[in-house]
Amino acid sequence: MAVEVYLIFNGNCREAVAFYEQVFHTEKPEIMTFGDAPRDPNHPLPEGTENLVMHTRLSIWGSTVMFSDTFPGSPYTIGNNVTLAVVSDDEAQLRQAYEGLKEGGKVTMELQETFFSKCYGSLTDKFGIEWQISHEEKAK
């Protein structure tokens, strides 16, 4: 299991990732855009946001740092643009951590299967810390 930092940007994620890639001499990352995601009629993508970064990551000196633009139409607020991501291949452990973190907190997304994870959810704990919980095969 790993706890990784997840940085959220306001439409300039590509620029930030390119900057950090150069500064830390990392490999060029694969970038998934919001337009690459399967369409959900309940959450339509606003026109012109298809190329915003939905997810990418860099390996910086042994640590994984993940990046995204804020979800189109969602507010961007400095202070909640950094989240912690718990990534594991142990689904039971993820579920236990999620249940504990949500006590007294606010659920953003219940744990569920998504196109990118068989068990993903997000929440803000009772101390105001934002968390993403994600199952990933062969996690570190």
C-alpha atoms as a PDB file:
ATOM      1  CA  MET A   1       0.000   0.000   0.000  1.00  0.00           C
ATOM      2  CA  ALA A   2       1.168   3.499  -0.739  1.00  0.00           C
ATOM      3  CA  VAL A   3      -0.004   6.955   0.254  1.00  0.00           C
ATOM      4  CA  GLU A   4       0.686   9.293  -2.620  1.00  0.00           C
ATOM      5  CA  VAL A   5       0.167  12.991  -3.190  1.00  0.00           C
ATOM      6  CA  TYR A   6      -2.374  14.031  -5.828  1.00  0.00           C
ATOM      7  CA  LEU A   7      -2.060  17.579  -7.164  1.00  0.00           C
ATOM      8  CA  ILE A   8      -5.072  19.272  -8.768  1.00  0.00           C
ATOM      9  CA  PHE A   9      -4.698  22.139 -11.244  1.00  0.00           C
ATOM     10  CA  ASN A  10      -7.024  24.714 -12.751  1.00  0.00           C
ATOM     11  CA  GLY A  11      -6.631  23.906 -16.452  1.00  0.00           C
ATOM     12  CA  ASN A  12      -2.829  24.134 -16.511  1.00  0.00           C
ATOM     13  CA  CYS A  13      -1.983  20.566 -15.493  1.00  0.00           C
ATOM     14  CA  ARG A  14      -0.126  19.765 -18.739  1.00  0.00           C
ATOM     15  CA  GLU A  15       2.102  22.789 -18.228  1.00  0.00           C
ATOM     16  CA  ALA A  16       2.801  21.818 -14.600  1.00  0.00           C
ATOM     17  CA  VAL A  17       3.570  18.182 -15.469  1.00  0.00           C
ATOM     18  CA  ALA A  18       5.932  19.242 -18.273  1.00  0.00           C
ATOM     19  CA  PHE A  19       7.670  21.588 -15.833  1.00  0.00           C
ATOM     20  CA  TYR A  20       8.128  18.902 -13.148  1.00  0.00           C
ATOM     21  CA  GLU A  21       9.152  16.348 -15.785  1.00  0.00           C
ATOM     22  CA  GLN A  22      11.956  18.686 -16.853  1.00  0.00           C
ATOM     23  CA  VAL A  23      12.992  19.744 -13.341  1.00  0.00           C
ATOM     24  CA  PHE A  24      13.211  16.178 -12.031  1.00  0.00           C
ATOM     25  CA  HIS A  25      14.387  14.551 -15.310  1.00  0.00           C
ATOM     26  CA  THR A  26      11.593  11.981 -15.352  1.00  0.00           C
ATOM     27  CA  GLU A  27      10.222   9.897 -18.180  1.00  0.00           C
ATOM     28  CA  LYS A  28       7.461  11.460 -20.260  1.00  0.00           C
ATOM     29  CA  PRO A  29       4.160  10.477 -18.630  1.00  0.00           C
ATOM     30  CA  GLU A  30       1.073   8.971 -20.223  1.00  0.00           C
ATOM     31  CA  ILE A  31      -1.801  11.442 -19.983  1.00  0.00           C
ATOM     32  CA  MET A  32      -5.474  10.482 -19.774  1.00  0.00           C
ATOM     33  CA  THR A  33      -7.860  13.305 -20.644  1.00  0.00           C
ATOM     34  CA  PHE A  34     -11.464  13.816 -19.569  1.00  0.00           C
ATOM     35  CA  GLY A  35     -12.335  13.224 -23.228  1.00  0.00           C
ATOM     36  CA  ASP A  36     -10.753   9.744 -23.028  1.00  0.00           C
ATOM     37  CA  ALA A  37     -13.197   8.664 -20.309  1.00  0.00           C
ATOM     38  CA  PRO A  38     -16.417   6.830 -21.155  1.00  0.00           C
ATOM     39  CA  ARG A  39     -19.317   9.285 -21.470  1.00  0.00           C
ATOM     40  CA  ASP A  40     -21.818   9.468 -18.607  1.00  0.00           C
ATOM     41  CA  PRO A  41     -25.139  11.140 -19.486  1.00  0.00           C
ATOM     42  CA  ASN A  42     -25.617  12.014 -15.793  1.00  0.00           C
ATOM     43  CA  HIS A  43     -22.370  14.000 -15.811  1.00  0.00           C
ATOM     44  CA  PRO A  44     -21.937  15.564 -19.259  1.00  0.00           C
ATOM     45  CA  LEU A  45     -18.574  17.040 -20.088  1.00  0.00           C
ATOM     46  CA  PRO A  46     -18.767  20.792 -20.750  1.00  0.00           C
ATOM     47  CA  GLU A  47     -17.859  21.791 -24.303  1.00  0.00           C
ATOM     48  CA  GLY A  48     -14.150  22.501 -24.771  1.00  0.00           C
ATOM     49  CA  THR A  49     -12.908  20.540 -21.736  1.00  0.00           C
ATOM     50  CA  GLU A  50     -12.149  17.243 -23.495  1.00  0.00           C
ATOM     51  CA  ASN A  51      -8.374  17.865 -23.513  1.00  0.00           C
ATOM     52  CA  LEU A  52      -8.050  18.722 -19.830  1.00  0.00           C
ATOM     53  CA  VAL A  53      -5.956  16.194 -17.901  1.00  0.00           C
ATOM     54  CA  MET A  54      -8.005  13.632 -15.993  1.00  0.00           C
ATOM     55  CA  HIS A  55      -4.992  11.728 -14.695  1.00  0.00           C
ATOM     56  CA  THR A  56      -1.269  11.369 -15.087  1.00  0.00           C
ATOM     57  CA  ARG A  57       1.661  10.577 -12.825  1.00  0.00           C
ATOM     58  CA  LEU A  58       5.387  11.093 -12.530  1.00  0.00           C
ATOM     59  CA  SER A  59       7.914   9.076 -10.608  1.00  0.00           C
ATOM     60  CA  ILE A  60       9.967  11.674  -8.756  1.00  0.00           C
ATOM     61  CA  TRP A  61      12.982  10.242  -6.957  1.00  0.00           C
ATOM     62  CA  GLY A  62      11.163   7.067  -5.938  1.00  0.00           C
ATOM     63  CA  SER A  63       7.816   8.698  -5.100  1.00  0.00           C
ATOM     64  CA  THR A  64       4.734   8.696  -7.290  1.00  0.00           C
ATOM     65  CA  VAL A  65       3.140  12.116  -7.703  1.00  0.00           C
ATOM     66  CA  MET A  66      -0.232  12.143  -9.456  1.00  0.00           C
ATOM     67  CA  PHE A  67      -1.780  15.081 -11.301  1.00  0.00           C
ATOM     68  CA  SER A  68      -5.137  16.191 -12.691  1.00  0.00           C
ATOM     69  CA  ASP A  69      -7.022  19.266 -13.756  1.00  0.00           C
ATOM     70  CA  THR A  70     -10.079  19.926 -11.618  1.00  0.00           C
ATOM     71  CA  PHE A  71     -13.184  18.188 -12.955  1.00  0.00           C
ATOM     72  CA  PRO A  72     -14.815  20.446 -15.555  1.00  0.00           C
ATOM     73  CA  GLY A  73     -17.503  22.541 -13.921  1.00  0.00           C
ATOM     74  CA  SER A  74     -16.199  21.911 -10.401  1.00  0.00           C
ATOM     75  CA  PRO A  75     -14.747  24.758  -8.379  1.00  0.00           C
ATOM     76  CA  TYR A  76     -10.998  25.041  -8.000  1.00  0.00           C
ATOM     77  CA  THR A  77      -9.967  26.169  -4.550  1.00  0.00           C
ATOM     78  CA  ILE A  78      -6.414  26.610  -3.357  1.00  0.00           C
ATOM     79  CA  GLY A  79      -6.168  24.524  -0.230  1.00  0.00           C
ATOM     80  CA  ASN A  80      -8.109  21.560  -1.548  1.00  0.00           C
ATOM     81  CA  ASN A  81      -5.983  21.176  -4.637  1.00  0.00           C
ATOM     82  CA  VAL A  82      -3.774  18.649  -2.837  1.00  0.00           C
ATOM     83  CA  THR A  83      -5.238  15.294  -1.851  1.00  0.00           C
ATOM     84  CA  LEU A  84      -3.764  12.102  -0.489  1.00  0.00           C
ATOM     85  CA  ALA A  85      -4.293   8.953  -2.512  1.00  0.00           C
ATOM     86  CA  VAL A  86      -4.222   5.541  -0.831  1.00  0.00           C
ATOM     87  CA  VAL A  87      -3.404   2.995  -3.522  1.00  0.00           C
ATOM     88  CA  SER A  88      -3.362  -0.747  -2.852  1.00  0.00           C
ATOM     89  CA  ASP A  89      -4.083  -4.118  -4.413  1.00  0.00           C
ATOM     90  CA  ASP A  90      -5.748  -5.209  -1.133  1.00  0.00           C
ATOM     91  CA  GLU A  91      -9.433  -4.340  -1.580  1.00  0.00           C
ATOM     92  CA  ALA A  92     -10.422  -5.361   1.971  1.00  0.00           C
ATOM     93  CA  GLN A  93      -7.761  -3.080   3.429  1.00  0.00           C
ATOM     94  CA  LEU A  94      -8.939  -0.209   1.215  1.00  0.00           C
ATOM     95  CA  ARG A  95     -12.563  -0.678   2.285  1.00  0.00           C
ATOM     96  CA  GLN A  96     -11.583  -0.729   5.961  1.00  0.00           C
ATOM     97  CA  ALA A  97      -9.559   2.485   5.611  1.00  0.00           C
ATOM     98  CA  TYR A  98     -12.380   4.179   3.679  1.00  0.00           C
ATOM     99  CA  GLU A  99     -14.963   3.300   6.338  1.00  0.00           C
ATOM    100  CA  GLY A 100     -12.702   4.658   9.069  1.00  0.00           C
ATOM    101  CA  LEU A 101     -11.889   7.884   7.216  1.00  0.00           C
ATOM    102  CA  LYS A 102     -15.518   8.657   6.442  1.00  0.00           C
ATOM    103  CA  GLU A 103     -16.567   8.668  10.128  1.00  0.00           C
ATOM    104  CA  GLY A 104     -17.393  12.299  10.841  1.00  0.00           C
ATOM    105  CA  GLY A 105     -16.294  13.276   7.344  1.00  0.00           C
ATOM    106  CA  LYS A 106     -17.989  14.043   4.043  1.00  0.00           C
ATOM    107  CA  VAL A 107     -18.174  11.493   1.237  1.00  0.00           C
ATOM    108  CA  THR A 108     -17.510  12.865  -2.238  1.00  0.00           C
ATOM    109  CA  MET A 109     -17.813   9.503  -4.014  1.00  0.00           C
ATOM    110  CA  GLU A 110     -18.818   6.215  -2.397  1.00  0.00           C
ATOM    111  CA  LEU A 111     -16.515   3.264  -3.044  1.00  0.00           C
ATOM    112  CA  GLN A 112     -17.443   1.776  -6.394  1.00  0.00           C
ATOM    113  CA  GLU A 113     -16.096   0.182  -9.512  1.00  0.00           C
ATOM    114  CA  THR A 114     -15.040   2.679 -12.175  1.00  0.00           C
ATOM    115  CA  PHE A 115     -13.502   2.272 -15.602  1.00  0.00           C
ATOM    116  CA  PHE A 116     -10.052   2.866 -14.044  1.00  0.00           C
ATOM    117  CA  SER A 117     -10.353   0.997 -10.715  1.00  0.00           C
ATOM    118  CA  LYS A 118     -12.382  -1.910  -9.409  1.00  0.00           C
ATOM    119  CA  CYS A 119     -12.716  -0.057  -6.082  1.00  0.00           C
ATOM    120  CA  TYR A 120     -12.475   3.757  -5.992  1.00  0.00           C
ATOM    121  CA  GLY A 121     -13.919   6.422  -3.708  1.00  0.00           C
ATOM    122  CA  SER A 122     -13.132   9.857  -2.347  1.00  0.00           C
ATOM    123  CA  LEU A 123     -13.947  11.813   0.780  1.00  0.00           C
ATOM    124  CA  THR A 124     -12.900  14.579   3.122  1.00  0.00           C
ATOM    125  CA  ASP A 125     -12.176  13.358   6.636  1.00  0.00           C
ATOM    126  CA  LYS A 126     -13.324  15.087   9.830  1.00  0.00           C
ATOM    127  CA  PHE A 127     -10.088  17.107   9.878  1.00  0.00           C
ATOM    128  CA  GLY A 128     -10.630  18.525   6.380  1.00  0.00           C
ATOM    129  CA  ILE A 129      -8.073  16.284   4.644  1.00  0.00           C
ATOM    130  CA  GLU A 130      -9.157  15.058   1.207  1.00  0.00           C
ATOM    131  CA  TRP A 131      -8.532  11.390   0.397  1.00  0.00           C
ATOM    132  CA  GLN A 132      -8.800   9.211  -2.697  1.00  0.00           C
ATOM    133  CA  ILE A 133      -8.966   5.446  -2.173  1.00  0.00           C
ATOM    134  CA  SER A 134      -8.091   3.329  -5.203  1.00  0.00           C
ATOM    135  CA  HIS A 135      -7.536  -0.335  -5.966  1.00  0.00           C
ATOM    136  CA  GLU A 136      -4.690  -0.897  -8.365  1.00  0.00           C
ATOM    137  CA  GLU A 137      -3.254  -4.238  -9.397  1.00  0.00           C
ATOM    138  CA  LYS A 138       0.394  -4.647  -8.444  1.00  0.00           C
ATOM    139  CA  ALA A 139       0.384  -1.484  -6.298  1.00  0.00           C
ATOM    140  CA  LYS A 140       3.620  -0.630  -4.514  1.00  0.00           C
END
